[in-house]
Amino acid sequence: MPISQKVPNFTAVNYCNSNRSMSKETPKENPELIERLRDQQTCREAFGEVIAKYSEPLYWQIRRMVVNHDDANDVLQDTFLKAWNSIELFRGEAKLSTWLHKIAINESLTFLNRERKRQNLSIDDEASMLVNLIEADTNIDGDYLAQELRKAIAQLPEKQRLVFNMRYYDEMKYEQISEILGTSVGALKTSYHLAVKKIEQYFSNLD
């Protein structure tokens, strides 16, 4: 499908009201929707349904990484544009949700890398930046402990942060995370347990 062909309307994915829970379950796979995505005659309409169906879980996947609501919306737009422009590469071998989550994560990491370069930040400086954004964020439900958990997660290395978010908030199985990140289940379990230990240490230091 030519990239120049008019893409579906992306404005509907803008989350103006972001005062929601951090967790959103990934929709179940729909074989009929995937078949329509692979048909040039129905692809555009089907992709509009993909936007409606996956916007919220992808938004929260991105938001937990980039923290800021407006930045998350921008990355979400980029995610769907990237998916649309590469829709011919999707053949259904992987789950649609796996493919979309992988794009969303890559776009999130690209955004964070770009921000680090733009602001000339180190990895440690990036963690401080994310913590400051969390402290200034008034648009997410949660008490003091929920906010402190977000701050603890923000200080984890990127890989551990991704794995912890996907296990804790999305309740994904290790096998699903493995498909998305391309990492062995054993390595993912190690990353998760390291993340848990660091978060436990963070909370012990609060006492």
N, C-alpha and C. Protein backbone atom coordinates (compact mmCIF):
# COMPACT_ATOMS: atom_id res chain seq x y z
N MET A 1 0.84 -1.19 0.00
CA MET A 1 0.00 0.00 0.00
C MET A 1 0.87 1.24 0.00
N PRO A 2 0.72 2.15 -0.93
CA PRO A 2 1.56 3.34 -1.00
C PRO A 2 1.44 4.18 0.26
N ILE A 3 2.57 4.71 0.73
CA ILE A 3 2.55 5.56 1.91
C ILE A 3 1.75 6.82 1.64
N SER A 4 1.73 7.23 0.39
CA SER A 4 1.03 8.48 0.05
C SER A 4 -0.49 8.36 0.19
N GLN A 5 -1.01 7.13 0.24
CA GLN A 5 -2.45 6.96 0.42
C GLN A 5 -2.88 7.53 1.75
N LYS A 6 -4.02 8.19 1.76
CA LYS A 6 -4.50 8.85 2.99
C LYS A 6 -4.59 7.84 4.13
N VAL A 7 -3.98 8.18 5.24
CA VAL A 7 -4.00 7.29 6.39
C VAL A 7 -5.25 7.53 7.21
N PRO A 8 -5.62 6.59 8.09
CA PRO A 8 -6.77 6.80 8.95
C PRO A 8 -6.59 8.01 9.85
N ASN A 9 -7.69 8.51 10.38
CA ASN A 9 -7.66 9.69 11.24
C ASN A 9 -7.04 9.35 12.59
N PHE A 10 -5.93 10.00 12.91
CA PHE A 10 -5.21 9.70 14.14
C PHE A 10 -5.62 10.61 15.29
N THR A 11 -6.42 11.63 15.03
CA THR A 11 -6.72 12.59 16.09
C THR A 11 -7.50 11.97 17.23
N ALA A 12 -8.21 10.89 16.97
CA ALA A 12 -9.03 10.27 18.01
C ALA A 12 -8.22 9.62 19.11
N VAL A 13 -6.92 9.41 18.88
CA VAL A 13 -6.13 8.73 19.90
C VAL A 13 -5.56 9.70 20.93
N ASN A 14 -5.84 11.00 20.80
CA ASN A 14 -5.31 11.98 21.75
C ASN A 14 -6.08 11.88 23.06
N TYR A 15 -5.38 11.51 24.13
CA TYR A 15 -6.02 11.36 25.43
C TYR A 15 -5.98 12.67 26.19
N CYS A 16 -7.01 13.49 25.99
CA CYS A 16 -7.07 14.78 26.70
C CYS A 16 -7.29 14.57 28.19
N ASN A 17 -8.06 13.58 28.55
CA ASN A 17 -8.29 13.28 29.96
C ASN A 17 -7.45 12.07 30.33
N SER A 18 -6.32 12.32 30.98
CA SER A 18 -5.39 11.23 31.28
C SER A 18 -5.48 10.77 32.73
N ASN A 19 -6.51 11.18 33.44
CA ASN A 19 -6.63 10.82 34.84
C ASN A 19 -7.24 9.43 34.96
N ARG A 20 -6.43 8.42 34.69
CA ARG A 20 -6.87 7.03 34.63
C ARG A 20 -5.90 6.13 35.35
N SER A 21 -6.27 4.89 35.48
CA SER A 21 -5.36 3.90 36.05
C SER A 21 -4.19 3.68 35.11
N MET A 22 -3.03 3.31 35.68
CA MET A 22 -1.84 3.05 34.86
C MET A 22 -1.94 1.74 34.11
N SER A 23 -2.87 0.89 34.46
CA SER A 23 -2.95 -0.43 33.88
C SER A 23 -4.10 -0.53 32.89
N LYS A 24 -3.85 -1.16 31.74
CA LYS A 24 -4.88 -1.39 30.74
C LYS A 24 -4.60 -2.70 30.04
N GLU A 25 -5.55 -3.61 30.10
CA GLU A 25 -5.36 -4.94 29.51
C GLU A 25 -5.30 -4.87 27.99
N THR A 26 -4.38 -5.60 27.40
CA THR A 26 -4.26 -5.67 25.95
C THR A 26 -5.46 -6.43 25.38
N PRO A 27 -6.12 -5.89 24.33
CA PRO A 27 -7.27 -6.57 23.74
C PRO A 27 -6.91 -7.95 23.20
N LYS A 28 -7.90 -8.82 23.14
CA LYS A 28 -7.68 -10.15 22.58
C LYS A 28 -7.54 -10.07 21.07
N GLU A 29 -6.79 -11.02 20.52
CA GLU A 29 -6.57 -11.05 19.08
C GLU A 29 -7.88 -11.33 18.34
N ASN A 30 -8.03 -10.69 17.20
CA ASN A 30 -9.22 -10.86 16.36
C ASN A 30 -8.78 -11.31 14.98
N PRO A 31 -8.89 -12.61 14.66
CA PRO A 31 -8.42 -13.13 13.37
C PRO A 31 -9.08 -12.44 12.18
N GLU A 32 -10.36 -12.11 12.31
CA GLU A 32 -11.07 -11.46 11.21
C GLU A 32 -10.50 -10.08 10.93
N LEU A 33 -10.16 -9.35 11.98
CA LEU A 33 -9.56 -8.03 11.82
C LEU A 33 -8.20 -8.13 11.13
N ILE A 34 -7.43 -9.13 11.51
CA ILE A 34 -6.11 -9.32 10.90
C ILE A 34 -6.24 -9.65 9.42
N GLU A 35 -7.23 -10.46 9.06
CA GLU A 35 -7.45 -10.78 7.64
C GLU A 35 -7.78 -9.52 6.85
N ARG A 36 -8.59 -8.64 7.43
CA ARG A 36 -8.94 -7.40 6.74
C ARG A 36 -7.74 -6.46 6.64
N LEU A 37 -6.86 -6.51 7.60
CA LEU A 37 -5.64 -5.71 7.54
C LEU A 37 -4.75 -6.14 6.38
N ARG A 38 -4.78 -7.40 6.05
CA ARG A 38 -3.92 -7.95 5.00
C ARG A 38 -4.52 -7.82 3.61
N ASP A 39 -5.77 -7.32 3.54
CA ASP A 39 -6.47 -7.12 2.28
C ASP A 39 -6.44 -5.63 1.93
N GLN A 40 -5.87 -5.27 0.78
CA GLN A 40 -5.75 -3.86 0.42
C GLN A 40 -7.10 -3.17 0.31
N GLN A 41 -8.14 -3.91 0.01
CA GLN A 41 -9.46 -3.32 -0.14
C GLN A 41 -10.07 -2.90 1.21
N THR A 42 -9.67 -3.58 2.26
CA THR A 42 -10.28 -3.31 3.57
C THR A 42 -9.27 -2.83 4.61
N CYS A 43 -8.01 -2.68 4.18
CA CYS A 43 -6.93 -2.40 5.13
C CYS A 43 -7.14 -1.08 5.88
N ARG A 44 -7.49 -0.03 5.16
CA ARG A 44 -7.60 1.28 5.80
C ARG A 44 -8.69 1.29 6.86
N GLU A 45 -9.85 0.75 6.53
CA GLU A 45 -10.95 0.70 7.49
C GLU A 45 -10.56 -0.16 8.70
N ALA A 46 -9.91 -1.29 8.44
CA ALA A 46 -9.49 -2.17 9.53
C ALA A 46 -8.47 -1.49 10.42
N PHE A 47 -7.58 -0.70 9.83
CA PHE A 47 -6.57 -0.03 10.64
C PHE A 47 -7.21 1.03 11.54
N GLY A 48 -8.28 1.64 11.08
CA GLY A 48 -9.03 2.55 11.95
C GLY A 48 -9.54 1.82 13.18
N GLU A 49 -9.96 0.57 13.01
CA GLU A 49 -10.41 -0.23 14.15
C GLU A 49 -9.24 -0.58 15.06
N VAL A 50 -8.07 -0.79 14.47
CA VAL A 50 -6.87 -1.06 15.28
C VAL A 50 -6.57 0.14 16.17
N ILE A 51 -6.67 1.33 15.61
CA ILE A 51 -6.43 2.55 16.39
C ILE A 51 -7.39 2.62 17.57
N ALA A 52 -8.68 2.40 17.29
CA ALA A 52 -9.67 2.48 18.35
C ALA A 52 -9.45 1.40 19.42
N LYS A 53 -9.03 0.23 19.00
CA LYS A 53 -8.91 -0.91 19.90
C LYS A 53 -7.64 -0.88 20.74
N TYR A 54 -6.54 -0.40 20.15
CA TYR A 54 -5.25 -0.52 20.82
C TYR A 54 -4.69 0.80 21.35
N SER A 55 -5.37 1.91 21.09
CA SER A 55 -4.83 3.20 21.52
C SER A 55 -4.58 3.26 23.02
N GLU A 56 -5.56 2.84 23.81
CA GLU A 56 -5.41 3.00 25.25
C GLU A 56 -4.31 2.13 25.85
N PRO A 57 -4.25 0.82 25.57
CA PRO A 57 -3.16 0.03 26.14
C PRO A 57 -1.78 0.47 25.64
N LEU A 58 -1.68 0.89 24.38
CA LEU A 58 -0.39 1.37 23.88
C LEU A 58 -0.03 2.70 24.51
N TYR A 59 -1.03 3.55 24.71
CA TYR A 59 -0.78 4.83 25.37
C TYR A 59 -0.14 4.61 26.74
N TRP A 60 -0.70 3.69 27.52
CA TRP A 60 -0.17 3.47 28.87
C TRP A 60 1.19 2.77 28.82
N GLN A 61 1.40 1.92 27.85
CA GLN A 61 2.73 1.32 27.68
C GLN A 61 3.77 2.42 27.46
N ILE A 62 3.42 3.37 26.60
CA ILE A 62 4.31 4.49 26.30
C ILE A 62 4.42 5.45 27.49
N ARG A 63 3.29 5.76 28.08
CA ARG A 63 3.26 6.75 29.17
C ARG A 63 4.13 6.31 30.34
N ARG A 64 4.14 5.03 30.63
CA ARG A 64 4.95 4.54 31.74
C ARG A 64 6.45 4.70 31.46
N MET A 65 6.82 4.82 30.18
CA MET A 65 8.23 5.02 29.84
C MET A 65 8.60 6.50 29.75
N VAL A 66 7.77 7.30 29.09
CA VAL A 66 8.15 8.70 28.84
C VAL A 66 7.56 9.64 29.88
N VAL A 67 6.58 9.16 30.67
CA VAL A 67 5.97 9.84 31.83
C VAL A 67 5.02 10.97 31.44
N ASN A 68 5.47 11.92 30.64
CA ASN A 68 4.66 13.09 30.33
C ASN A 68 3.50 12.74 29.40
N HIS A 69 2.31 13.26 29.71
CA HIS A 69 1.11 12.95 28.94
C HIS A 69 1.22 13.40 27.48
N ASP A 70 1.64 14.65 27.25
CA ASP A 70 1.73 15.16 25.88
C ASP A 70 2.78 14.40 25.08
N ASP A 71 3.90 14.09 25.71
CA ASP A 71 4.94 13.31 25.03
C ASP A 71 4.41 11.93 24.67
N ALA A 72 3.66 11.32 25.59
CA ALA A 72 3.10 9.99 25.34
C ALA A 72 2.15 10.03 24.15
N ASN A 73 1.34 11.07 24.06
CA ASN A 73 0.44 11.19 22.92
C ASN A 73 1.22 11.33 21.62
N ASP A 74 2.30 12.11 21.64
CA ASP A 74 3.11 12.27 20.43
C ASP A 74 3.73 10.94 20.01
N VAL A 75 4.25 10.20 20.98
CA VAL A 75 4.86 8.90 20.67
C VAL A 75 3.80 7.92 20.18
N LEU A 76 2.60 8.01 20.73
CA LEU A 76 1.51 7.14 20.27
C LEU A 76 1.17 7.43 18.81
N GLN A 77 1.12 8.72 18.46
CA GLN A 77 0.89 9.08 17.06
C GLN A 77 1.98 8.49 16.17
N ASP A 78 3.25 8.63 16.60
CA ASP A 78 4.37 8.10 15.82
C ASP A 78 4.27 6.58 15.69
N THR A 79 3.80 5.93 16.75
CA THR A 79 3.66 4.47 16.73
C THR A 79 2.68 4.03 15.66
N PHE A 80 1.52 4.68 15.61
CA PHE A 80 0.52 4.28 14.62
C PHE A 80 0.95 4.66 13.20
N LEU A 81 1.64 5.78 13.07
CA LEU A 81 2.15 6.14 11.74
C LEU A 81 3.18 5.12 11.26
N LYS A 82 4.07 4.71 12.17
CA LYS A 82 5.07 3.71 11.83
C LYS A 82 4.37 2.38 11.46
N ALA A 83 3.36 2.01 12.22
CA ALA A 83 2.63 0.76 11.94
C ALA A 83 1.93 0.85 10.58
N TRP A 84 1.30 2.00 10.31
CA TRP A 84 0.59 2.14 9.04
C TRP A 84 1.55 2.09 7.86
N ASN A 85 2.67 2.78 7.99
CA ASN A 85 3.62 2.84 6.89
C ASN A 85 4.35 1.51 6.65
N SER A 86 4.26 0.61 7.63
CA SER A 86 4.89 -0.70 7.45
C SER A 86 3.86 -1.83 7.50
N ILE A 87 2.60 -1.49 7.24
CA ILE A 87 1.53 -2.48 7.37
C ILE A 87 1.71 -3.64 6.39
N GLU A 88 2.35 -3.38 5.25
CA GLU A 88 2.56 -4.46 4.28
C GLU A 88 3.53 -5.51 4.81
N LEU A 89 4.33 -5.13 5.81
CA LEU A 89 5.29 -6.08 6.39
C LEU A 89 4.63 -7.00 7.41
N PHE A 90 3.41 -6.63 7.84
CA PHE A 90 2.73 -7.46 8.83
C PHE A 90 2.01 -8.60 8.11
N ARG A 91 2.45 -9.80 8.38
CA ARG A 91 1.89 -10.96 7.70
C ARG A 91 1.12 -11.89 8.64
N GLY A 92 1.05 -11.51 9.90
CA GLY A 92 0.28 -12.31 10.84
C GLY A 92 1.06 -13.43 11.49
N GLU A 93 2.39 -13.52 11.20
CA GLU A 93 3.17 -14.57 11.87
C GLU A 93 3.24 -14.30 13.37
N ALA A 94 3.39 -13.03 13.73
CA ALA A 94 3.35 -12.63 15.14
C ALA A 94 1.97 -12.09 15.45
N LYS A 95 1.61 -12.06 16.73
CA LYS A 95 0.34 -11.48 17.12
C LYS A 95 0.34 -9.98 16.80
N LEU A 96 -0.83 -9.46 16.47
CA LEU A 96 -0.95 -8.03 16.18
C LEU A 96 -0.52 -7.21 17.40
N SER A 97 -0.94 -7.64 18.59
CA SER A 97 -0.58 -6.91 19.80
C SER A 97 0.92 -6.91 20.03
N THR A 98 1.58 -8.04 19.74
CA THR A 98 3.03 -8.13 19.88
C THR A 98 3.71 -7.16 18.94
N TRP A 99 3.27 -7.12 17.69
CA TRP A 99 3.84 -6.22 16.69
C TRP A 99 3.67 -4.77 17.09
N LEU A 100 2.49 -4.40 17.56
CA LEU A 100 2.22 -3.01 17.94
C LEU A 100 3.00 -2.61 19.19
N HIS A 101 3.04 -3.50 20.19
CA HIS A 101 3.80 -3.19 21.40
C HIS A 101 5.28 -3.01 21.09
N LYS A 102 5.79 -3.82 20.17
CA LYS A 102 7.21 -3.71 19.81
C LYS A 102 7.49 -2.35 19.18
N ILE A 103 6.61 -1.90 18.30
CA ILE A 103 6.77 -0.59 17.68
C ILE A 103 6.67 0.50 18.73
N ALA A 104 5.70 0.38 19.63
CA ALA A 104 5.51 1.40 20.67
C ALA A 104 6.73 1.50 21.58
N ILE A 105 7.31 0.37 21.93
CA ILE A 105 8.49 0.38 22.80
C ILE A 105 9.67 1.00 22.07
N ASN A 106 9.87 0.63 20.80
CA ASN A 106 10.97 1.20 20.02
C ASN A 106 10.82 2.71 19.87
N GLU A 107 9.59 3.17 19.64
CA GLU A 107 9.35 4.61 19.52
C GLU A 107 9.57 5.32 20.85
N SER A 108 9.21 4.66 21.95
CA SER A 108 9.44 5.25 23.28
C SER A 108 10.92 5.40 23.56
N LEU A 109 11.69 4.35 23.26
CA LEU A 109 13.14 4.40 23.50
C LEU A 109 13.80 5.42 22.57
N THR A 110 13.32 5.51 21.34
CA THR A 110 13.84 6.52 20.42
C THR A 110 13.59 7.92 20.96
N PHE A 111 12.40 8.14 21.49
CA PHE A 111 12.07 9.45 22.06
C PHE A 111 12.99 9.77 23.24
N LEU A 112 13.18 8.80 24.14
CA LEU A 112 14.03 9.04 25.31
C LEU A 112 15.48 9.30 24.90
N ASN A 113 15.97 8.55 23.92
CA ASN A 113 17.34 8.78 23.43
C ASN A 113 17.47 10.17 22.82
N ARG A 114 16.45 10.57 22.08
CA ARG A 114 16.47 11.90 21.46
C ARG A 114 16.45 13.01 22.52
N GLU A 115 15.66 12.80 23.57
CA GLU A 115 15.59 13.79 24.65
C GLU A 115 16.92 13.87 25.40
N ARG A 116 17.55 12.71 25.60
CA ARG A 116 18.86 12.72 26.27
C ARG A 116 19.87 13.55 25.48
N LYS A 117 19.88 13.34 24.17
CA LYS A 117 20.82 14.08 23.33
C LYS A 117 20.46 15.56 23.29
N ARG A 118 19.16 15.85 23.18
CA ARG A 118 18.73 17.25 23.08
C ARG A 118 19.08 18.03 24.34
N GLN A 119 18.91 17.39 25.50
CA GLN A 119 19.18 18.06 26.77
C GLN A 119 20.58 17.75 27.31
N ASN A 120 21.35 16.97 26.54
CA ASN A 120 22.70 16.60 26.96
C ASN A 120 22.70 15.94 28.34
N LEU A 121 21.85 14.91 28.48
CA LEU A 121 21.68 14.23 29.76
C LEU A 121 22.41 12.91 29.78
N SER A 122 22.90 12.53 30.94
CA SER A 122 23.41 11.18 31.15
C SER A 122 22.24 10.28 31.52
N ILE A 123 22.50 8.98 31.65
CA ILE A 123 21.45 8.06 32.07
C ILE A 123 20.92 8.44 33.46
N ASP A 124 21.84 8.79 34.38
CA ASP A 124 21.41 9.20 35.72
C ASP A 124 20.60 10.49 35.67
N ASP A 125 21.01 11.42 34.81
CA ASP A 125 20.25 12.67 34.67
C ASP A 125 18.86 12.39 34.13
N GLU A 126 18.74 11.42 33.22
CA GLU A 126 17.43 11.07 32.68
C GLU A 126 16.51 10.57 33.78
N ALA A 127 17.03 9.75 34.68
CA ALA A 127 16.22 9.25 35.79
C ALA A 127 15.72 10.41 36.63
N SER A 128 16.58 11.39 36.91
CA SER A 128 16.17 12.56 37.69
C SER A 128 15.10 13.36 36.95
N MET A 129 15.26 13.47 35.62
CA MET A 129 14.27 14.18 34.83
C MET A 129 12.90 13.50 34.91
N LEU A 130 12.90 12.16 34.79
CA LEU A 130 11.64 11.42 34.85
C LEU A 130 10.99 11.53 36.23
N VAL A 131 11.81 11.48 37.28
CA VAL A 131 11.27 11.64 38.64
C VAL A 131 10.64 13.02 38.79
N ASN A 132 11.28 14.05 38.27
CA ASN A 132 10.72 15.40 38.36
C ASN A 132 9.39 15.49 37.61
N LEU A 133 9.31 14.82 36.47
CA LEU A 133 8.05 14.81 35.72
C LEU A 133 6.95 14.10 36.50
N ILE A 134 7.31 13.01 37.15
CA ILE A 134 6.33 12.27 37.96
C ILE A 134 5.82 13.14 39.11
N GLU A 135 6.72 13.84 39.77
CA GLU A 135 6.33 14.69 40.90
C GLU A 135 5.42 15.83 40.45
N ALA A 136 5.59 16.28 39.21
CA ALA A 136 4.77 17.38 38.70
C ALA A 136 3.48 16.89 38.06
N ASP A 137 3.32 15.58 37.91
CA ASP A 137 2.17 15.01 37.20
C ASP A 137 0.98 14.90 38.14
N THR A 138 -0.11 15.58 37.79
CA THR A 138 -1.33 15.53 38.59
C THR A 138 -2.46 14.81 37.86
N ASN A 139 -2.15 14.14 36.75
CA ASN A 139 -3.18 13.57 35.89
C ASN A 139 -3.34 12.07 35.99
N ILE A 140 -2.70 11.45 36.98
CA ILE A 140 -2.82 10.00 37.12
C ILE A 140 -3.34 9.68 38.51
N ASP A 141 -4.32 8.78 38.56
CA ASP A 141 -4.84 8.33 39.85
C ASP A 141 -3.74 7.66 40.65
N GLY A 142 -3.80 7.80 41.95
CA GLY A 142 -2.83 7.08 42.77
C GLY A 142 -2.51 7.84 44.04
N ASP A 143 -2.19 7.09 45.09
CA ASP A 143 -1.84 7.70 46.36
C ASP A 143 -0.33 7.90 46.44
N TYR A 144 0.14 8.23 47.62
CA TYR A 144 1.56 8.49 47.85
C TYR A 144 2.42 7.29 47.45
N LEU A 145 2.00 6.08 47.86
CA LEU A 145 2.80 4.90 47.57
C LEU A 145 2.83 4.60 46.07
N ALA A 146 1.70 4.85 45.40
CA ALA A 146 1.67 4.63 43.95
C ALA A 146 2.63 5.58 43.24
N GLN A 147 2.69 6.81 43.70
CA GLN A 147 3.62 7.76 43.11
C GLN A 147 5.07 7.38 43.39
N GLU A 148 5.32 6.93 44.62
CA GLU A 148 6.69 6.51 44.95
C GLU A 148 7.10 5.29 44.13
N LEU A 149 6.16 4.41 43.85
CA LEU A 149 6.47 3.26 43.00
C LEU A 149 6.87 3.73 41.61
N ARG A 150 6.14 4.68 41.06
CA ARG A 150 6.49 5.22 39.74
C ARG A 150 7.89 5.83 39.76
N LYS A 151 8.22 6.53 40.83
CA LYS A 151 9.55 7.14 40.94
C LYS A 151 10.64 6.08 41.05
N ALA A 152 10.34 5.01 41.79
CA ALA A 152 11.31 3.91 41.90
C ALA A 152 11.53 3.25 40.54
N ILE A 153 10.46 3.03 39.80
CA ILE A 153 10.57 2.41 38.48
C ILE A 153 11.36 3.30 37.52
N ALA A 154 11.16 4.61 37.62
CA ALA A 154 11.84 5.56 36.73
C ALA A 154 13.35 5.50 36.88
N GLN A 155 13.83 5.03 38.02
CA GLN A 155 15.26 4.99 38.29
C GLN A 155 15.90 3.66 37.90
N LEU A 156 15.09 2.74 37.39
CA LEU A 156 15.62 1.46 36.92
C LEU A 156 16.27 1.63 35.55
N PRO A 157 17.22 0.75 35.19
CA PRO A 157 17.71 0.72 33.80
C PRO A 157 16.55 0.45 32.85
N GLU A 158 16.66 0.91 31.61
CA GLU A 158 15.54 0.83 30.67
C GLU A 158 14.98 -0.57 30.53
N LYS A 159 15.86 -1.57 30.39
CA LYS A 159 15.38 -2.95 30.19
C LYS A 159 14.59 -3.42 31.40
N GLN A 160 15.11 -3.17 32.60
CA GLN A 160 14.39 -3.58 33.81
C GLN A 160 13.09 -2.81 33.95
N ARG A 161 13.09 -1.56 33.56
CA ARG A 161 11.87 -0.75 33.64
C ARG A 161 10.80 -1.32 32.72
N LEU A 162 11.19 -1.67 31.50
CA LEU A 162 10.25 -2.26 30.56
C LEU A 162 9.66 -3.56 31.09
N VAL A 163 10.53 -4.45 31.54
CA VAL A 163 10.08 -5.77 31.99
C VAL A 163 9.18 -5.63 33.21
N PHE A 164 9.57 -4.79 34.16
CA PHE A 164 8.75 -4.62 35.36
C PHE A 164 7.37 -4.06 35.00
N ASN A 165 7.33 -3.05 34.15
CA ASN A 165 6.05 -2.47 33.76
C ASN A 165 5.13 -3.50 33.10
N MET A 166 5.71 -4.30 32.22
CA MET A 166 4.90 -5.26 31.48
C MET A 166 4.40 -6.39 32.38
N ARG A 167 5.22 -6.77 33.36
CA ARG A 167 4.80 -7.81 34.31
C ARG A 167 3.82 -7.27 35.35
N TYR A 168 4.15 -6.12 35.91
CA TYR A 168 3.39 -5.60 37.05
C TYR A 168 2.08 -4.94 36.62
N TYR A 169 2.17 -4.03 35.67
CA TYR A 169 0.97 -3.28 35.27
C TYR A 169 0.13 -4.04 34.24
N ASP A 170 0.79 -4.61 33.23
CA ASP A 170 0.05 -5.30 32.16
C ASP A 170 -0.21 -6.77 32.47
N GLU A 171 0.48 -7.27 33.50
CA GLU A 171 0.34 -8.67 33.90
C GLU A 171 0.60 -9.62 32.72
N MET A 172 1.59 -9.27 31.91
CA MET A 172 1.96 -10.13 30.78
C MET A 172 2.77 -11.32 31.26
N LYS A 173 2.60 -12.44 30.59
CA LYS A 173 3.42 -13.61 30.86
C LYS A 173 4.81 -13.39 30.28
N TYR A 174 5.79 -14.08 30.86
CA TYR A 174 7.16 -13.93 30.37
C TYR A 174 7.27 -14.31 28.90
N GLU A 175 6.51 -15.31 28.49
CA GLU A 175 6.57 -15.75 27.09
C GLU A 175 6.12 -14.63 26.15
N GLN A 176 5.10 -13.89 26.55
CA GLN A 176 4.62 -12.78 25.73
C GLN A 176 5.64 -11.65 25.68
N ILE A 177 6.23 -11.34 26.84
CA ILE A 177 7.26 -10.30 26.89
C ILE A 177 8.45 -10.71 26.03
N SER A 178 8.78 -12.00 26.06
CA SER A 178 9.89 -12.51 25.26
C SER A 178 9.66 -12.27 23.78
N GLU A 179 8.42 -12.48 23.32
CA GLU A 179 8.09 -12.25 21.91
C GLU A 179 8.23 -10.77 21.55
N ILE A 180 7.85 -9.89 22.47
CA ILE A 180 7.90 -8.46 22.20
C ILE A 180 9.32 -7.92 22.22
N LEU A 181 10.09 -8.31 23.25
CA LEU A 181 11.42 -7.75 23.43
C LEU A 181 12.53 -8.56 22.76
N GLY A 182 12.21 -9.78 22.35
CA GLY A 182 13.22 -10.62 21.72
C GLY A 182 14.30 -11.06 22.69
N THR A 183 13.91 -11.27 23.95
CA THR A 183 14.83 -11.68 25.01
C THR A 183 14.36 -13.00 25.60
N SER A 184 15.29 -13.84 26.02
CA SER A 184 14.91 -15.15 26.56
C SER A 184 14.12 -14.98 27.85
N VAL A 185 13.28 -15.97 28.12
CA VAL A 185 12.48 -15.95 29.35
C VAL A 185 13.37 -15.91 30.58
N GLY A 186 14.47 -16.67 30.55
CA GLY A 186 15.37 -16.68 31.70
C GLY A 186 15.95 -15.31 31.97
N ALA A 187 16.38 -14.60 30.91
CA ALA A 187 16.93 -13.25 31.08
C ALA A 187 15.87 -12.28 31.58
N LEU A 188 14.63 -12.45 31.12
CA LEU A 188 13.54 -11.58 31.56
C LEU A 188 13.26 -11.78 33.04
N LYS A 189 13.27 -13.04 33.49
CA LYS A 189 13.03 -13.31 34.90
C LYS A 189 14.12 -12.68 35.76
N THR A 190 15.35 -12.74 35.28
CA THR A 190 16.46 -12.12 36.00
C THR A 190 16.26 -10.61 36.08
N SER A 191 15.89 -9.99 34.96
CA SER A 191 15.66 -8.54 34.93
C SER A 191 14.55 -8.15 35.89
N TYR A 192 13.47 -8.95 35.89
CA TYR A 192 12.34 -8.62 36.76
C TYR A 192 12.73 -8.72 38.23
N HIS A 193 13.42 -9.77 38.60
CA HIS A 193 13.79 -9.95 40.01
C HIS A 193 14.80 -8.90 40.45
N LEU A 194 15.70 -8.48 39.56
CA LEU A 194 16.61 -7.38 39.88
C LEU A 194 15.83 -6.09 40.09
N ALA A 195 14.84 -5.86 39.24
CA ALA A 195 14.01 -4.66 39.37
C ALA A 195 13.26 -4.67 40.70
N VAL A 196 12.71 -5.82 41.06
CA VAL A 196 11.97 -5.92 42.32
C VAL A 196 12.89 -5.61 43.51
N LYS A 197 14.10 -6.14 43.49
CA LYS A 197 15.04 -5.90 44.59
C LYS A 197 15.37 -4.42 44.70
N LYS A 198 15.57 -3.76 43.57
CA LYS A 198 15.90 -2.34 43.59
C LYS A 198 14.71 -1.51 44.08
N ILE A 199 13.52 -1.91 43.71
CA ILE A 199 12.32 -1.20 44.17
C ILE A 199 12.13 -1.42 45.67
N GLU A 200 12.34 -2.65 46.13
CA GLU A 200 12.25 -2.91 47.57
C GLU A 200 13.27 -2.08 48.34
N GLN A 201 14.48 -1.95 47.79
CA GLN A 201 15.52 -1.14 48.43
C GLN A 201 15.10 0.33 48.46
N TYR A 202 14.49 0.79 47.38
CA TYR A 202 14.02 2.17 47.31
C TYR A 202 13.02 2.45 48.44
N PHE A 203 12.08 1.53 48.61
CA PHE A 203 11.06 1.73 49.66
C PHE A 203 11.64 1.59 51.06
N SER A 204 12.63 0.72 51.22
CA SER A 204 13.25 0.58 52.53
C SER A 204 13.98 1.85 52.92
N ASN A 205 14.50 2.58 51.93
CA ASN A 205 15.19 3.84 52.20
C ASN A 205 14.23 4.96 52.55
N LEU A 206 12.94 4.76 52.24
CA LEU A 206 11.94 5.78 52.58
C LEU A 206 11.58 5.73 54.07
N ASP A 207 11.79 4.56 54.69
CA ASP A 207 11.39 4.39 56.09
C ASP A 207 12.26 5.23 57.03
